[in-house]
Amino acid sequence: YAFYGFKESEIAILYVAAFASSIVFGTFTGPLADKWGRKKMAISFTVIYTFCCLTKLSSNFWWLFAGQVLCGIATSLLFTTFESWYVHEHSERHGFPSEWIGITFSITTFWNGMIAIFAG
């Protein structure tokens, strides 16, 4: 955001907006996923995060602020909805052994880290 000419205090406000919105909306994402459905919430994540990314193209402080709020909401969805959707599909829909859940998460965590290392 320094590229756009914002002061450090303004940049701090933008980052706090993302964290604060994640804290506030994070408490609601789990119950909303139970009410509306995990698949719909996962799709909502992609839509919200798309708008979050589009706001980054603006140099207007308030558009960036709105984008950071959306980013916080999307982050809350990212860290709740997809995992709960997987666990539900794994256990309820397909009836796979519950022991596989831990193995699957271990494998995905490992490869997520490896990809991050290779990506730099």
N, C-alpha and C. Protein backbone atom coordinates (compact mmCIF):
# COMPACT_ATOMS: atom_id res chain seq x y z
N TYR A 1 0.81 -1.19 0.00
CA TYR A 1 0.00 0.00 0.00
C TYR A 1 0.86 1.26 0.00
N ALA A 2 2.12 1.12 0.36
CA ALA A 2 3.02 2.26 0.29
C ALA A 2 3.18 2.72 -1.16
N PHE A 3 3.03 1.78 -2.08
CA PHE A 3 3.11 2.10 -3.50
C PHE A 3 2.06 3.14 -3.89
N TYR A 4 0.89 3.08 -3.24
CA TYR A 4 -0.18 4.02 -3.52
C TYR A 4 0.00 5.35 -2.79
N GLY A 5 1.04 5.45 -1.97
CA GLY A 5 1.31 6.69 -1.25
C GLY A 5 0.65 6.80 0.12
N PHE A 6 0.20 5.67 0.66
CA PHE A 6 -0.41 5.71 1.98
C PHE A 6 0.65 5.78 3.07
N LYS A 7 0.31 6.46 4.17
CA LYS A 7 1.19 6.54 5.32
C LYS A 7 1.13 5.22 6.09
N GLU A 8 2.12 5.01 6.95
CA GLU A 8 2.16 3.77 7.73
C GLU A 8 0.92 3.60 8.58
N SER A 9 0.42 4.69 9.13
CA SER A 9 -0.77 4.60 9.98
C SER A 9 -2.00 4.17 9.16
N GLU A 10 -2.09 4.62 7.92
CA GLU A 10 -3.20 4.21 7.06
C GLU A 10 -3.07 2.74 6.66
N ILE A 11 -1.86 2.32 6.39
CA ILE A 11 -1.62 0.91 6.06
C ILE A 11 -1.97 0.03 7.25
N ALA A 12 -1.62 0.48 8.44
CA ALA A 12 -1.95 -0.28 9.65
C ALA A 12 -3.46 -0.42 9.80
N ILE A 13 -4.20 0.63 9.49
CA ILE A 13 -5.66 0.58 9.57
C ILE A 13 -6.21 -0.47 8.62
N LEU A 14 -5.64 -0.54 7.43
CA LEU A 14 -6.09 -1.52 6.45
C LEU A 14 -5.87 -2.95 6.95
N TYR A 15 -4.70 -3.20 7.53
CA TYR A 15 -4.42 -4.54 8.03
C TYR A 15 -5.28 -4.88 9.24
N VAL A 16 -5.50 -3.91 10.11
CA VAL A 16 -6.35 -4.15 11.27
C VAL A 16 -7.79 -4.44 10.82
N ALA A 17 -8.23 -3.77 9.76
CA ALA A 17 -9.59 -4.02 9.25
C ALA A 17 -9.75 -5.48 8.84
N ALA A 18 -8.74 -6.05 8.21
CA ALA A 18 -8.82 -7.45 7.79
C ALA A 18 -8.86 -8.37 9.01
N PHE A 19 -7.96 -8.14 9.97
CA PHE A 19 -7.94 -8.98 11.16
C PHE A 19 -9.22 -8.85 11.97
N ALA A 20 -9.70 -7.62 12.12
CA ALA A 20 -10.91 -7.40 12.91
C ALA A 20 -12.13 -8.05 12.26
N SER A 21 -12.24 -7.92 10.94
CA SER A 21 -13.38 -8.54 10.28
C SER A 21 -13.31 -10.06 10.36
N SER A 22 -12.11 -10.60 10.33
CA SER A 22 -11.95 -12.04 10.47
C SER A 22 -12.37 -12.49 11.87
N ILE A 23 -12.03 -11.70 12.87
CA ILE A 23 -12.42 -12.03 14.23
C ILE A 23 -13.94 -11.96 14.39
N VAL A 24 -14.52 -10.88 13.90
CA VAL A 24 -15.97 -10.69 14.06
C VAL A 24 -16.76 -11.72 13.27
N PHE A 25 -16.44 -11.86 11.99
CA PHE A 25 -17.22 -12.76 11.15
C PHE A 25 -16.83 -14.23 11.35
N GLY A 26 -15.64 -14.48 11.87
CA GLY A 26 -15.21 -15.85 12.12
C GLY A 26 -16.09 -16.59 13.10
N THR A 27 -16.70 -15.84 14.00
CA THR A 27 -17.58 -16.48 14.97
C THR A 27 -18.89 -16.94 14.34
N PHE A 28 -19.21 -16.41 13.16
CA PHE A 28 -20.48 -16.74 12.52
C PHE A 28 -20.34 -17.74 11.37
N THR A 29 -19.13 -17.95 10.87
CA THR A 29 -18.99 -18.78 9.67
C THR A 29 -19.36 -20.23 9.90
N GLY A 30 -19.01 -20.78 11.06
CA GLY A 30 -19.37 -22.17 11.34
C GLY A 30 -20.87 -22.39 11.40
N PRO A 31 -21.58 -21.60 12.22
CA PRO A 31 -23.05 -21.75 12.26
C PRO A 31 -23.72 -21.46 10.91
N LEU A 32 -23.18 -20.51 10.15
CA LEU A 32 -23.76 -20.24 8.83
C LEU A 32 -23.57 -21.42 7.89
N ALA A 33 -22.42 -22.06 7.99
CA ALA A 33 -22.17 -23.25 7.15
C ALA A 33 -23.15 -24.36 7.51
N ASP A 34 -23.45 -24.50 8.79
CA ASP A 34 -24.42 -25.51 9.21
C ASP A 34 -25.81 -25.18 8.71
N LYS A 35 -26.13 -23.89 8.69
CA LYS A 35 -27.48 -23.47 8.30
C LYS A 35 -27.65 -23.45 6.78
N TRP A 36 -26.72 -22.85 6.07
CA TRP A 36 -26.85 -22.66 4.62
C TRP A 36 -26.24 -23.79 3.80
N GLY A 37 -25.34 -24.54 4.41
CA GLY A 37 -24.68 -25.62 3.68
C GLY A 37 -23.23 -25.29 3.42
N ARG A 38 -22.40 -26.30 3.56
CA ARG A 38 -20.95 -26.09 3.40
C ARG A 38 -20.57 -25.77 1.97
N LYS A 39 -21.24 -26.40 1.02
CA LYS A 39 -20.92 -26.14 -0.38
C LYS A 39 -21.23 -24.70 -0.75
N LYS A 40 -22.37 -24.19 -0.30
CA LYS A 40 -22.72 -22.80 -0.59
C LYS A 40 -21.74 -21.83 0.05
N MET A 41 -21.29 -22.17 1.24
CA MET A 41 -20.32 -21.30 1.91
C MET A 41 -18.96 -21.35 1.20
N ALA A 42 -18.60 -22.51 0.67
CA ALA A 42 -17.35 -22.61 -0.09
C ALA A 42 -17.44 -21.78 -1.37
N ILE A 43 -18.57 -21.82 -2.01
CA ILE A 43 -18.77 -20.99 -3.20
C ILE A 43 -18.78 -19.52 -2.81
N SER A 44 -19.38 -19.21 -1.67
CA SER A 44 -19.38 -17.83 -1.18
C SER A 44 -17.96 -17.34 -0.95
N PHE A 45 -17.11 -18.22 -0.44
CA PHE A 45 -15.70 -17.86 -0.26
C PHE A 45 -15.08 -17.39 -1.56
N THR A 46 -15.30 -18.15 -2.63
CA THR A 46 -14.67 -17.80 -3.91
C THR A 46 -15.20 -16.46 -4.43
N VAL A 47 -16.48 -16.22 -4.26
CA VAL A 47 -17.07 -14.96 -4.73
C VAL A 47 -16.54 -13.79 -3.89
N ILE A 48 -16.55 -13.94 -2.57
CA ILE A 48 -16.09 -12.87 -1.68
C ILE A 48 -14.61 -12.59 -1.91
N TYR A 49 -13.82 -13.65 -2.05
CA TYR A 49 -12.38 -13.43 -2.25
C TYR A 49 -12.09 -12.82 -3.62
N THR A 50 -12.90 -13.13 -4.60
CA THR A 50 -12.74 -12.50 -5.91
C THR A 50 -12.92 -10.99 -5.79
N PHE A 51 -13.99 -10.57 -5.11
CA PHE A 51 -14.20 -9.13 -4.91
C PHE A 51 -13.09 -8.51 -4.07
N CYS A 52 -12.61 -9.25 -3.09
CA CYS A 52 -11.48 -8.78 -2.29
C CYS A 52 -10.28 -8.49 -3.18
N CYS A 53 -9.97 -9.40 -4.06
CA CYS A 53 -8.83 -9.22 -4.96
C CYS A 53 -9.04 -8.07 -5.94
N LEU A 54 -10.25 -7.91 -6.41
CA LEU A 54 -10.53 -6.83 -7.35
C LEU A 54 -10.37 -5.45 -6.71
N THR A 55 -10.64 -5.34 -5.41
CA THR A 55 -10.47 -4.05 -4.76
C THR A 55 -9.01 -3.64 -4.67
N LYS A 56 -8.10 -4.59 -4.77
CA LYS A 56 -6.67 -4.29 -4.71
C LYS A 56 -6.21 -3.48 -5.92
N LEU A 57 -7.01 -3.46 -6.97
CA LEU A 57 -6.67 -2.70 -8.16
C LEU A 57 -6.91 -1.19 -7.99
N SER A 58 -7.62 -0.83 -6.95
CA SER A 58 -7.95 0.56 -6.70
C SER A 58 -6.91 1.19 -5.78
N SER A 59 -6.70 2.48 -5.94
CA SER A 59 -5.82 3.21 -5.03
C SER A 59 -6.63 4.03 -4.02
N ASN A 60 -7.96 3.87 -4.06
CA ASN A 60 -8.84 4.58 -3.13
C ASN A 60 -8.82 3.87 -1.77
N PHE A 61 -8.56 4.63 -0.72
CA PHE A 61 -8.45 4.06 0.62
C PHE A 61 -9.69 3.29 1.01
N TRP A 62 -10.87 3.82 0.75
CA TRP A 62 -12.11 3.19 1.21
C TRP A 62 -12.43 1.92 0.42
N TRP A 63 -12.07 1.87 -0.86
CA TRP A 63 -12.22 0.62 -1.60
C TRP A 63 -11.27 -0.44 -1.04
N LEU A 64 -10.05 -0.01 -0.73
CA LEU A 64 -9.09 -0.95 -0.14
C LEU A 64 -9.56 -1.41 1.24
N PHE A 65 -10.14 -0.50 2.01
CA PHE A 65 -10.67 -0.85 3.31
C PHE A 65 -11.78 -1.89 3.18
N ALA A 66 -12.70 -1.65 2.26
CA ALA A 66 -13.79 -2.61 2.02
C ALA A 66 -13.22 -3.96 1.57
N GLY A 67 -12.19 -3.91 0.75
CA GLY A 67 -11.53 -5.15 0.31
C GLY A 67 -10.90 -5.90 1.45
N GLN A 68 -10.31 -5.19 2.40
CA GLN A 68 -9.71 -5.84 3.55
C GLN A 68 -10.78 -6.48 4.44
N VAL A 69 -11.92 -5.82 4.57
CA VAL A 69 -13.02 -6.42 5.34
C VAL A 69 -13.48 -7.70 4.65
N LEU A 70 -13.63 -7.65 3.32
CA LEU A 70 -14.00 -8.85 2.58
C LEU A 70 -12.95 -9.95 2.72
N CYS A 71 -11.70 -9.54 2.72
CA CYS A 71 -10.60 -10.50 2.86
C CYS A 71 -10.68 -11.20 4.22
N GLY A 72 -11.00 -10.45 5.26
CA GLY A 72 -11.15 -11.06 6.58
C GLY A 72 -12.29 -12.06 6.62
N ILE A 73 -13.39 -11.71 5.98
CA ILE A 73 -14.53 -12.64 5.91
C ILE A 73 -14.13 -13.89 5.15
N ALA A 74 -13.47 -13.69 4.01
CA ALA A 74 -13.05 -14.83 3.19
C ALA A 74 -12.07 -15.72 3.93
N THR A 75 -11.17 -15.13 4.68
CA THR A 75 -10.21 -15.92 5.45
C THR A 75 -10.92 -16.78 6.49
N SER A 76 -11.92 -16.21 7.13
CA SER A 76 -12.70 -16.99 8.09
C SER A 76 -13.37 -18.18 7.41
N LEU A 77 -13.91 -17.94 6.24
CA LEU A 77 -14.54 -19.03 5.49
C LEU A 77 -13.52 -20.07 5.06
N LEU A 78 -12.35 -19.60 4.64
CA LEU A 78 -11.30 -20.51 4.17
C LEU A 78 -10.89 -21.49 5.26
N PHE A 79 -10.75 -21.00 6.49
CA PHE A 79 -10.25 -21.85 7.56
C PHE A 79 -11.33 -22.62 8.30
N THR A 80 -12.57 -22.53 7.86
CA THR A 80 -13.62 -23.31 8.52
C THR A 80 -14.42 -24.15 7.53
N THR A 81 -14.85 -23.54 6.47
CA THR A 81 -15.82 -24.16 5.58
C THR A 81 -15.28 -25.38 4.84
N PHE A 82 -14.11 -25.25 4.25
CA PHE A 82 -13.60 -26.34 3.42
C PHE A 82 -13.29 -27.59 4.23
N GLU A 83 -12.69 -27.41 5.41
CA GLU A 83 -12.38 -28.57 6.24
C GLU A 83 -13.65 -29.26 6.73
N SER A 84 -14.61 -28.46 7.18
CA SER A 84 -15.84 -29.08 7.67
C SER A 84 -16.61 -29.75 6.53
N TRP A 85 -16.54 -29.17 5.34
CA TRP A 85 -17.18 -29.78 4.18
C TRP A 85 -16.53 -31.13 3.89
N TYR A 86 -15.18 -31.16 3.92
CA TYR A 86 -14.47 -32.41 3.67
C TYR A 86 -14.84 -33.47 4.71
N VAL A 87 -14.81 -33.10 5.98
CA VAL A 87 -15.11 -34.06 7.04
C VAL A 87 -16.53 -34.59 6.88
N HIS A 88 -17.46 -33.71 6.57
CA HIS A 88 -18.84 -34.16 6.36
C HIS A 88 -18.95 -35.12 5.18
N GLU A 89 -18.37 -34.77 4.06
CA GLU A 89 -18.42 -35.64 2.87
C GLU A 89 -17.73 -36.97 3.15
N HIS A 90 -16.59 -36.91 3.81
CA HIS A 90 -15.82 -38.12 4.12
C HIS A 90 -16.62 -39.07 5.00
N SER A 91 -17.18 -38.52 6.07
CA SER A 91 -17.84 -39.37 7.07
C SER A 91 -19.29 -39.69 6.74
N GLU A 92 -20.04 -38.66 6.45
CA GLU A 92 -21.49 -38.81 6.31
C GLU A 92 -21.90 -39.33 4.93
N ARG A 93 -21.36 -38.72 3.93
CA ARG A 93 -21.82 -39.05 2.58
C ARG A 93 -21.20 -40.33 2.03
N HIS A 94 -19.88 -40.46 2.23
CA HIS A 94 -19.19 -41.61 1.64
C HIS A 94 -18.92 -42.73 2.64
N GLY A 95 -19.01 -42.43 3.92
CA GLY A 95 -18.82 -43.46 4.93
C GLY A 95 -17.41 -44.02 5.02
N PHE A 96 -16.41 -43.24 4.64
CA PHE A 96 -15.03 -43.70 4.75
C PHE A 96 -14.62 -43.79 6.21
N PRO A 97 -13.62 -44.59 6.53
CA PRO A 97 -13.16 -44.69 7.92
C PRO A 97 -12.66 -43.33 8.44
N SER A 98 -13.00 -43.03 9.67
CA SER A 98 -12.62 -41.73 10.24
C SER A 98 -11.10 -41.60 10.41
N GLU A 99 -10.40 -42.71 10.47
CA GLU A 99 -8.94 -42.66 10.59
C GLU A 99 -8.29 -42.00 9.38
N TRP A 100 -8.93 -42.05 8.25
CA TRP A 100 -8.38 -41.47 7.03
C TRP A 100 -8.36 -39.95 7.07
N ILE A 101 -9.22 -39.36 7.88
CA ILE A 101 -9.28 -37.89 7.93
C ILE A 101 -7.93 -37.32 8.36
N GLY A 102 -7.38 -37.84 9.45
CA GLY A 102 -6.09 -37.36 9.93
C GLY A 102 -4.98 -37.57 8.91
N ILE A 103 -5.03 -38.71 8.24
CA ILE A 103 -4.02 -39.00 7.22
C ILE A 103 -4.13 -38.01 6.07
N THR A 104 -5.36 -37.76 5.64
CA THR A 104 -5.58 -36.82 4.54
C THR A 104 -5.08 -35.43 4.90
N PHE A 105 -5.40 -34.96 6.11
CA PHE A 105 -4.94 -33.64 6.53
C PHE A 105 -3.42 -33.59 6.65
N SER A 106 -2.81 -34.67 7.10
CA SER A 106 -1.34 -34.72 7.18
C SER A 106 -0.71 -34.60 5.80
N ILE A 107 -1.25 -35.34 4.86
CA ILE A 107 -0.71 -35.30 3.49
C ILE A 107 -0.90 -33.92 2.88
N THR A 108 -2.08 -33.34 3.04
CA THR A 108 -2.32 -32.02 2.45
C THR A 108 -1.46 -30.95 3.11
N THR A 109 -1.26 -31.05 4.42
CA THR A 109 -0.40 -30.08 5.12
C THR A 109 1.04 -30.20 4.64
N PHE A 110 1.51 -31.43 4.48
CA PHE A 110 2.87 -31.65 3.99
C PHE A 110 3.06 -31.03 2.61
N TRP A 111 2.15 -31.34 1.69
CA TRP A 111 2.30 -30.84 0.33
C TRP A 111 2.06 -29.34 0.23
N ASN A 112 1.21 -28.83 1.09
CA ASN A 112 1.02 -27.37 1.13
C ASN A 112 2.33 -26.69 1.51
N GLY A 113 3.02 -27.24 2.51
CA GLY A 113 4.31 -26.69 2.90
C GLY A 113 5.36 -26.84 1.82
N MET A 114 5.38 -28.00 1.17
CA MET A 114 6.37 -28.22 0.10
C MET A 114 6.15 -27.25 -1.07
N ILE A 115 4.92 -27.07 -1.44
CA ILE A 115 4.61 -26.14 -2.53
C ILE A 115 5.00 -24.72 -2.16
N ALA A 116 4.75 -24.35 -0.90
CA ALA A 116 5.14 -23.02 -0.44
C ALA A 116 6.65 -22.83 -0.50
N ILE A 117 7.39 -23.87 -0.12
CA ILE A 117 8.86 -23.79 -0.18
C ILE A 117 9.34 -23.66 -1.61
N PHE A 118 8.80 -24.50 -2.49
CA PHE A 118 9.23 -24.46 -3.88
C PHE A 118 8.81 -23.17 -4.59
N ALA A 119 7.69 -22.62 -4.17
CA ALA A 119 7.21 -21.38 -4.79
C ALA A 119 8.05 -20.18 -4.34
N GLY A 120 8.72 -20.31 -3.22
CA GLY A 120 9.59 -19.24 -2.75
C GLY A 120 8.88 -18.33 -1.84
